[in-house]
């Protein structure tokens, strides 16, 4: 009985950590994509001004 409670708790903890880490990776990927897009737009604007 006591072992199943511990295993259930560990399973839920692992599941929560998986969701948190996956969310963090998704957040960082989105931020990097957005930043790269802004840098590309800035490069295009600078090129068009130099012409």
Protein backbone atom coordinates (compact mmCIF):
# COMPACT_ATOMS: atom_id res chain seq x y z
CA UNK A 1 0.00 0.00 0.00
CA UNK A 2 2.68 2.47 1.02
CA UNK A 3 4.85 1.56 -1.97
CA UNK A 4 2.08 2.31 -4.45
CA UNK A 5 1.58 5.78 -2.93
CA UNK A 6 5.29 6.51 -3.29
CA UNK A 7 5.34 5.22 -6.87
CA UNK A 8 2.26 7.25 -7.79
CA UNK A 9 3.83 10.37 -6.29
CA UNK A 10 7.09 9.80 -8.18
CA UNK A 11 5.18 9.18 -11.40
CA UNK A 12 3.22 12.41 -11.02
CA UNK A 13 6.40 14.32 -10.20
CA UNK A 14 8.08 12.92 -13.32
CA UNK A 15 5.06 13.87 -15.40
CA UNK A 16 5.05 17.43 -14.04
CA UNK A 17 8.78 17.79 -14.69
CA UNK A 18 8.31 16.51 -18.24
CA UNK A 19 5.62 19.11 -18.89
CA UNK A 20 7.70 21.92 -17.34
CA UNK A 21 10.84 21.06 -19.30
CA UNK A 22 8.90 20.64 -22.56
CA UNK A 23 7.20 23.98 -21.99
CA UNK A 24 10.56 25.63 -21.35
CA UNK A 25 12.02 24.22 -24.55
CA UNK A 26 8.98 25.37 -26.51
CA UNK A 27 9.23 28.85 -24.97
CA UNK A 28 12.95 29.19 -25.76
CA UNK A 29 12.43 27.93 -29.31
CA UNK A 30 9.64 30.46 -29.89
CA UNK A 31 11.70 33.33 -28.50
CA UNK A 32 14.71 32.39 -30.64
CA UNK A 33 12.54 32.13 -33.78
CA UNK A 34 10.96 35.52 -33.10
CA UNK A 35 14.36 37.13 -32.46
CA UNK A 36 15.84 35.66 -35.63
CA UNK A 37 12.84 36.93 -37.62
CA UNK A 38 13.32 40.45 -36.22
CA UNK A 39 17.03 40.40 -37.06
CA UNK A 40 16.27 39.33 -40.63
CA UNK A 41 13.75 42.17 -40.97
CA UNK A 42 16.33 44.66 -39.65
CA UNK A 43 18.88 43.42 -42.19
CA UNK A 44 16.38 43.85 -45.03
CA UNK A 45 15.52 47.37 -43.90
CA UNK A 46 19.20 48.35 -43.71
CA UNK A 47 19.87 46.92 -47.17
CA UNK A 48 16.95 48.84 -48.69
CA UNK A 49 18.11 52.10 -47.07
CA UNK A 50 21.66 51.70 -48.43
CA UNK A 51 20.44 51.43 -52.04
